[in-house]
Amino acid sequence: MSNPAKTFPIWAFFSLLTNIVLMLAIALLIYRQQGLTAFFATETSPAQLKPDSQGQAVTPELGSRHKLNYQQWVDVLRQEAKVAAQKRPQHLTILVGDSLSLWFPAELLPQNRTWLNQGLSGETSTGLLKRLELFDSTQPETIFVMIGINDLIRGVSDETILKNQRQIMRYLKKVHPQTQIVVQSILPHGGEDATWEGREKLLEISNSRIRRLNQKLQAIAQKEGVKYLDLYPLFAHKQGLLRPKLSTDGLHLNSQGYLVWSSALQLYSQMQLQAQRVR
């Protein structure tokens, strides 16, 4: 007779994990909601490697950087990665992806880590694959990757997205063999309730397609020996759309959305740390 523990399906484990994260995130939202009101009265920008008095990365104002084009942004990210490579901060963690990662408030990222934000607005899996070399010289403990929604918006096929995702995983594993690579699922969108300027393009992408794409992405991650973090259930309501309370426009996240994501990263990191101690 087979051992039940050995046959416990991986998808069931991740489903349980995400449900736990959601409950914790909701509790954290209630606890911190008042404190976040003042902070989110103004926009924040991606974190740079410019330590404060406690040695943690801090977030400067974007200012004129709003006007940068894609290549100029790449140059900025290259310089920030260069600083991280030179200073070699402890517990360096890289957040890489599109605007969802770019606008992750530094104040909400899990503490006790030094974060290097390599997010770029409008980024696709093809663009990300071409610029992974920006942080080749860094020595991160963990790299969190989220990419794909802009590919879908631009009409890129699932096959191309998955091919690029696989190449991203393999590249990061090769260049950062001691680093934990974590691929995160593509988030849902708000459907008919979306108010984003490209709403019509979003409506052409079914959230069921995103779910199927995520399932294939998870299978690839497992085959490539890369961690997979399924955030989709945390952001989708019963109809499978992005929860309005977590979004500004049906595509991008608001303060509560980032708090849910932050809670997921925090819990994930704690579980991985405990697993390492058990070993």
Protein backbone atom coordinates (compact mmCIF):
# COMPACT_ATOMS: atom_id res chain seq x y z
CA MET A 1 0.00 0.00 0.00
CA SER A 2 1.38 3.42 -0.93
CA ASN A 3 2.20 6.01 1.68
CA PRO A 4 -0.52 8.75 1.67
CA ALA A 5 2.11 11.40 2.47
CA LYS A 6 4.01 10.53 -0.69
CA THR A 7 0.95 10.70 -2.91
CA PHE A 8 -0.39 13.98 -1.54
CA PRO A 9 -0.82 16.10 -4.69
CA ILE A 10 1.34 19.18 -5.00
CA TRP A 11 -1.56 21.29 -6.21
CA ALA A 12 -3.49 20.48 -3.05
CA PHE A 13 -0.58 21.66 -0.92
CA PHE A 14 -0.37 24.96 -2.76
CA SER A 15 -4.14 25.38 -2.53
CA LEU A 16 -3.93 24.93 1.22
CA LEU A 17 -0.99 27.33 1.39
CA THR A 18 -2.78 30.07 -0.52
CA ASN A 19 -5.89 29.73 1.63
CA ILE A 20 -3.77 30.17 4.73
CA VAL A 21 -2.06 33.19 3.21
CA LEU A 22 -5.42 34.75 2.33
CA MET A 23 -6.72 34.44 5.87
CA LEU A 24 -3.54 35.93 7.27
CA ALA A 25 -3.59 38.70 4.69
CA ILE A 26 -7.17 39.65 5.55
CA ALA A 27 -6.29 39.76 9.24
CA LEU A 28 -3.25 41.89 8.48
CA LEU A 29 -5.32 44.20 6.32
CA ILE A 30 -7.74 44.87 9.17
CA TYR A 31 -4.85 45.44 11.56
CA ARG A 32 -2.85 47.81 9.35
CA GLN A 33 -5.51 49.54 7.27
CA GLN A 34 -5.61 52.68 9.38
CA GLY A 35 -1.85 53.04 9.41
CA LEU A 36 -1.62 52.79 5.63
CA THR A 37 -4.10 55.56 4.87
CA ALA A 38 -1.63 58.41 5.26
CA PHE A 39 1.14 56.57 3.46
CA PHE A 40 -0.87 55.89 0.33
CA ALA A 41 -2.09 59.45 0.06
CA THR A 42 0.95 59.91 -2.23
CA GLU A 43 2.43 57.60 -4.83
CA THR A 44 5.58 55.66 -4.12
CA SER A 45 8.26 54.37 -6.42
CA PRO A 46 10.40 51.26 -6.79
CA ALA A 47 13.13 50.64 -4.22
CA GLN A 48 16.71 51.55 -4.97
CA LEU A 49 19.82 50.28 -3.23
CA LYS A 50 20.36 53.43 -1.22
CA PRO A 51 20.57 52.31 2.43
CA ASP A 52 19.04 54.30 5.25
CA SER A 53 20.50 54.52 8.76
CA GLN A 54 19.34 50.97 9.50
CA GLY A 55 20.94 49.60 6.35
CA GLN A 56 17.63 48.77 4.65
CA ALA A 57 16.76 49.85 1.12
CA VAL A 58 14.65 52.98 0.98
CA THR A 59 12.34 54.39 -1.66
CA PRO A 60 13.13 57.76 -3.25
CA GLU A 61 10.61 59.88 -5.12
CA LEU A 62 10.43 59.23 -8.85
CA GLY A 63 10.40 62.88 -9.84
CA SER A 64 11.56 63.30 -13.44
CA ARG A 65 12.01 59.52 -13.78
CA HIS A 66 8.33 59.39 -14.78
CA LYS A 67 9.48 60.75 -18.14
CA LEU A 68 12.07 58.06 -18.84
CA ASN A 69 11.62 55.82 -21.86
CA TYR A 70 12.16 52.06 -21.80
CA GLN A 71 15.91 52.14 -22.51
CA GLN A 72 16.48 54.92 -19.99
CA TRP A 73 14.67 52.84 -17.37
CA VAL A 74 16.85 49.85 -18.25
CA ASP A 75 19.92 52.03 -17.72
CA VAL A 76 18.61 53.10 -14.30
CA LEU A 77 17.98 49.48 -13.29
CA ARG A 78 21.47 48.55 -14.50
CA GLN A 79 23.00 51.18 -12.23
CA GLU A 80 20.92 50.09 -9.25
CA ALA A 81 21.97 46.48 -9.81
CA LYS A 82 25.58 47.63 -10.09
CA VAL A 83 25.33 49.25 -6.66
CA ALA A 84 23.90 46.05 -5.22
CA ALA A 85 26.73 44.04 -6.77
CA GLN A 86 29.35 46.37 -5.32
CA LYS A 87 27.92 46.67 -1.82
CA ARG A 88 26.82 43.03 -1.58
CA PRO A 89 24.17 43.66 1.11
CA GLN A 90 23.05 40.81 3.33
CA HIS A 91 19.91 38.88 2.45
CA LEU A 92 19.59 40.52 -0.95
CA THR A 93 16.28 39.70 -2.62
CA ILE A 94 15.38 40.73 -6.16
CA LEU A 95 11.87 41.53 -7.32
CA VAL A 96 11.70 41.40 -11.11
CA GLY A 97 8.83 41.85 -13.53
CA ASP A 98 6.52 44.54 -14.93
CA SER A 99 4.67 47.51 -13.41
CA LEU A 100 3.06 45.32 -10.75
CA SER A 101 6.52 44.67 -9.33
CA LEU A 102 7.75 48.18 -10.13
CA TRP A 103 5.13 49.85 -7.94
CA PHE A 104 5.51 47.49 -4.97
CA PRO A 105 5.87 49.94 -2.03
CA ALA A 106 9.20 49.40 -0.29
CA GLU A 107 7.47 49.92 3.06
CA LEU A 108 5.32 46.84 2.46
CA LEU A 109 8.05 44.46 1.36
CA PRO A 110 8.96 41.84 4.01
CA GLN A 111 11.54 43.16 6.43
CA ASN A 112 14.93 41.68 7.34
CA ARG A 113 15.88 41.64 3.65
CA THR A 114 17.51 44.10 1.31
CA TRP A 115 15.30 44.46 -1.75
CA LEU A 116 16.41 45.30 -5.27
CA ASN A 117 13.39 46.16 -7.42
CA GLN A 118 14.02 45.38 -11.09
CA GLY A 119 10.45 45.90 -12.23
CA LEU A 120 9.77 47.87 -15.41
CA SER A 121 6.45 49.26 -16.60
CA GLY A 122 5.04 47.54 -19.69
CA GLU A 123 7.60 44.73 -19.52
CA THR A 124 7.02 41.47 -21.40
CA SER A 125 8.62 38.06 -21.01
CA THR A 126 10.72 38.74 -24.14
CA GLY A 127 11.96 42.05 -22.76
CA LEU A 128 12.70 40.56 -19.35
CA LEU A 129 14.65 37.69 -20.87
CA LYS A 130 16.88 40.19 -22.69
CA ARG A 131 17.70 42.20 -19.55
CA LEU A 132 18.27 39.49 -16.95
CA GLU A 133 21.99 40.13 -17.38
CA LEU A 134 21.55 43.47 -15.62
CA PHE A 135 21.91 41.80 -12.23
CA ASP A 136 24.28 38.97 -13.18
CA SER A 137 26.93 40.22 -10.76
CA THR A 138 24.64 40.38 -7.74
CA GLN A 139 24.45 37.60 -5.17
CA PRO A 140 20.80 37.40 -4.16
CA GLU A 141 19.36 34.87 -1.74
CA THR A 142 16.06 34.87 -3.61
CA ILE A 143 14.70 36.15 -6.92
CA PHE A 144 10.92 36.62 -7.25
CA VAL A 145 9.71 36.72 -10.86
CA MET A 146 6.28 37.81 -12.11
CA ILE A 147 5.78 38.35 -15.84
CA GLY A 148 3.20 37.62 -18.52
CA ILE A 149 0.18 39.92 -18.34
CA ASN A 150 1.63 42.41 -20.83
CA ASP A 151 2.37 39.55 -23.23
CA LEU A 152 -1.30 38.60 -23.12
CA ILE A 153 -2.38 42.21 -23.63
CA ARG A 154 -0.14 42.42 -26.71
CA GLY A 155 -1.51 39.22 -28.19
CA VAL A 156 1.49 36.99 -27.57
CA SER A 157 0.66 33.27 -27.71
CA ASP A 158 0.68 31.04 -24.65
CA GLU A 159 3.38 28.91 -26.28
CA THR A 160 5.72 31.89 -26.64
CA ILE A 161 5.04 33.07 -23.08
CA LEU A 162 5.78 29.63 -21.65
CA LYS A 163 8.88 29.25 -23.81
CA ASN A 164 10.21 32.57 -22.55
CA GLN A 165 9.33 31.68 -18.97
CA ARG A 166 11.28 28.43 -19.28
CA GLN A 167 14.28 30.29 -20.68
CA ILE A 168 14.08 32.82 -17.84
CA MET A 169 14.12 30.01 -15.28
CA ARG A 170 17.05 28.27 -16.91
CA TYR A 171 19.04 31.48 -17.25
CA LEU A 172 18.55 32.44 -13.61
CA LYS A 173 19.43 28.94 -12.42
CA LYS A 174 22.61 28.95 -14.46
CA VAL A 175 23.81 32.42 -13.47
CA HIS A 176 22.62 32.22 -9.84
CA PRO A 177 23.07 28.53 -8.88
CA GLN A 178 22.97 29.26 -5.12
CA THR A 179 19.87 31.43 -5.35
CA GLN A 180 16.30 30.35 -4.74
CA ILE A 181 14.29 31.20 -7.87
CA VAL A 182 10.57 31.76 -7.27
CA VAL A 183 8.20 32.15 -10.22
CA GLN A 184 4.91 33.77 -9.30
CA SER A 185 1.63 33.20 -11.09
CA ILE A 186 0.04 35.73 -13.41
CA LEU A 187 -2.71 37.63 -11.59
CA PRO A 188 -6.33 37.87 -12.77
CA HIS A 189 -7.86 41.07 -14.14
CA GLY A 190 -11.14 42.80 -13.34
CA GLY A 191 -13.03 41.99 -16.55
CA GLU A 192 -16.06 44.18 -17.25
CA ASP A 193 -15.43 46.15 -14.06
CA ALA A 194 -11.96 47.23 -15.19
CA THR A 195 -11.40 50.94 -15.77
CA TRP A 196 -7.83 50.70 -17.06
CA GLU A 197 -7.25 52.65 -20.26
CA GLY A 198 -6.63 49.42 -22.17
CA ARG A 199 -9.82 47.82 -20.89
CA GLU A 200 -10.88 46.49 -24.29
CA LYS A 201 -7.64 44.57 -24.58
CA LEU A 202 -8.16 43.07 -21.14
CA LEU A 203 -11.63 41.88 -22.11
CA GLU A 204 -10.11 39.88 -24.94
CA ILE A 205 -8.18 37.84 -22.35
CA SER A 206 -10.31 35.42 -20.35
CA ASN A 207 -9.28 34.76 -16.78
CA SER A 208 -9.82 31.06 -17.49
CA ARG A 209 -7.00 31.35 -20.02
CA ILE A 210 -4.80 32.91 -17.35
CA ARG A 211 -5.60 30.03 -14.99
CA ARG A 212 -4.69 27.46 -17.63
CA LEU A 213 -1.49 29.35 -18.39
CA ASN A 214 -0.62 29.37 -14.70
CA GLN A 215 -1.15 25.62 -14.47
CA LYS A 216 1.28 25.08 -17.32
CA LEU A 217 3.68 27.55 -15.76
CA GLN A 218 3.58 25.61 -12.50
CA ALA A 219 4.32 22.36 -14.32
CA ILE A 220 7.31 23.94 -16.07
CA ALA A 221 8.62 25.34 -12.79
CA GLN A 222 8.44 21.92 -11.15
CA LYS A 223 10.20 20.30 -14.09
CA GLU A 224 12.94 22.95 -14.06
CA GLY A 225 13.43 22.67 -10.31
CA VAL A 226 12.18 26.18 -9.63
CA LYS A 227 9.81 27.25 -6.86
CA TYR A 228 6.29 28.31 -7.84
CA LEU A 229 4.13 30.68 -5.80
CA ASP A 230 0.46 30.67 -6.81
CA LEU A 231 -0.92 34.11 -5.98
CA TYR A 232 -3.94 33.86 -8.26
CA PRO A 233 -6.41 32.50 -5.65
CA LEU A 234 -5.56 35.36 -3.30
CA PHE A 235 -6.64 38.00 -5.79
CA ALA A 236 -9.61 36.34 -7.50
CA HIS A 237 -13.17 36.28 -6.16
CA LYS A 238 -15.67 33.47 -6.77
CA GLN A 239 -16.24 34.52 -10.39
CA GLY A 240 -12.49 34.37 -11.04
CA LEU A 241 -12.01 38.11 -11.53
CA LEU A 242 -9.58 40.39 -9.75
CA ARG A 243 -11.13 41.52 -6.46
CA PRO A 244 -12.15 45.19 -6.87
CA LYS A 245 -11.02 46.01 -3.33
CA LEU A 246 -7.46 45.00 -4.24
CA SER A 247 -7.12 47.01 -7.44
CA THR A 248 -7.09 50.58 -8.67
CA ASP A 249 -8.32 49.90 -12.20
CA GLY A 250 -8.89 46.18 -12.70
CA LEU A 251 -5.25 45.57 -13.61
CA HIS A 252 -2.95 47.36 -11.17
CA LEU A 253 -2.95 46.92 -7.40
CA ASN A 254 -3.86 49.33 -4.63
CA SER A 255 -2.53 49.41 -1.07
CA GLN A 256 -4.64 46.45 0.04
CA GLY A 257 -3.57 44.44 -3.00
CA TYR A 258 0.09 44.98 -2.22
CA LEU A 259 -0.54 44.12 1.41
CA VAL A 260 -2.00 40.77 0.36
CA TRP A 261 0.99 40.14 -1.92
CA SER A 262 3.39 41.18 0.82
CA SER A 263 1.73 38.81 3.27
CA ALA A 264 2.12 35.97 0.76
CA LEU A 265 5.83 36.72 0.31
CA GLN A 266 6.33 36.95 4.06
CA LEU A 267 4.60 33.66 4.79
CA TYR A 268 6.35 31.95 1.89
CA SER A 269 9.75 33.14 3.11
CA GLN A 270 9.03 31.96 6.65
CA MET A 271 7.94 28.53 5.43
CA GLN A 272 11.08 28.17 3.32
CA LEU A 273 13.25 29.20 6.24
CA GLN A 274 11.60 26.65 8.51
CA ALA A 275 12.03 23.97 5.85
CA GLN A 276 15.75 24.73 5.63
CA ARG A 277 16.10 24.46 9.41
CA VAL A 278 14.40 21.06 9.38
CA ARG A 279 16.94 19.82 6.84
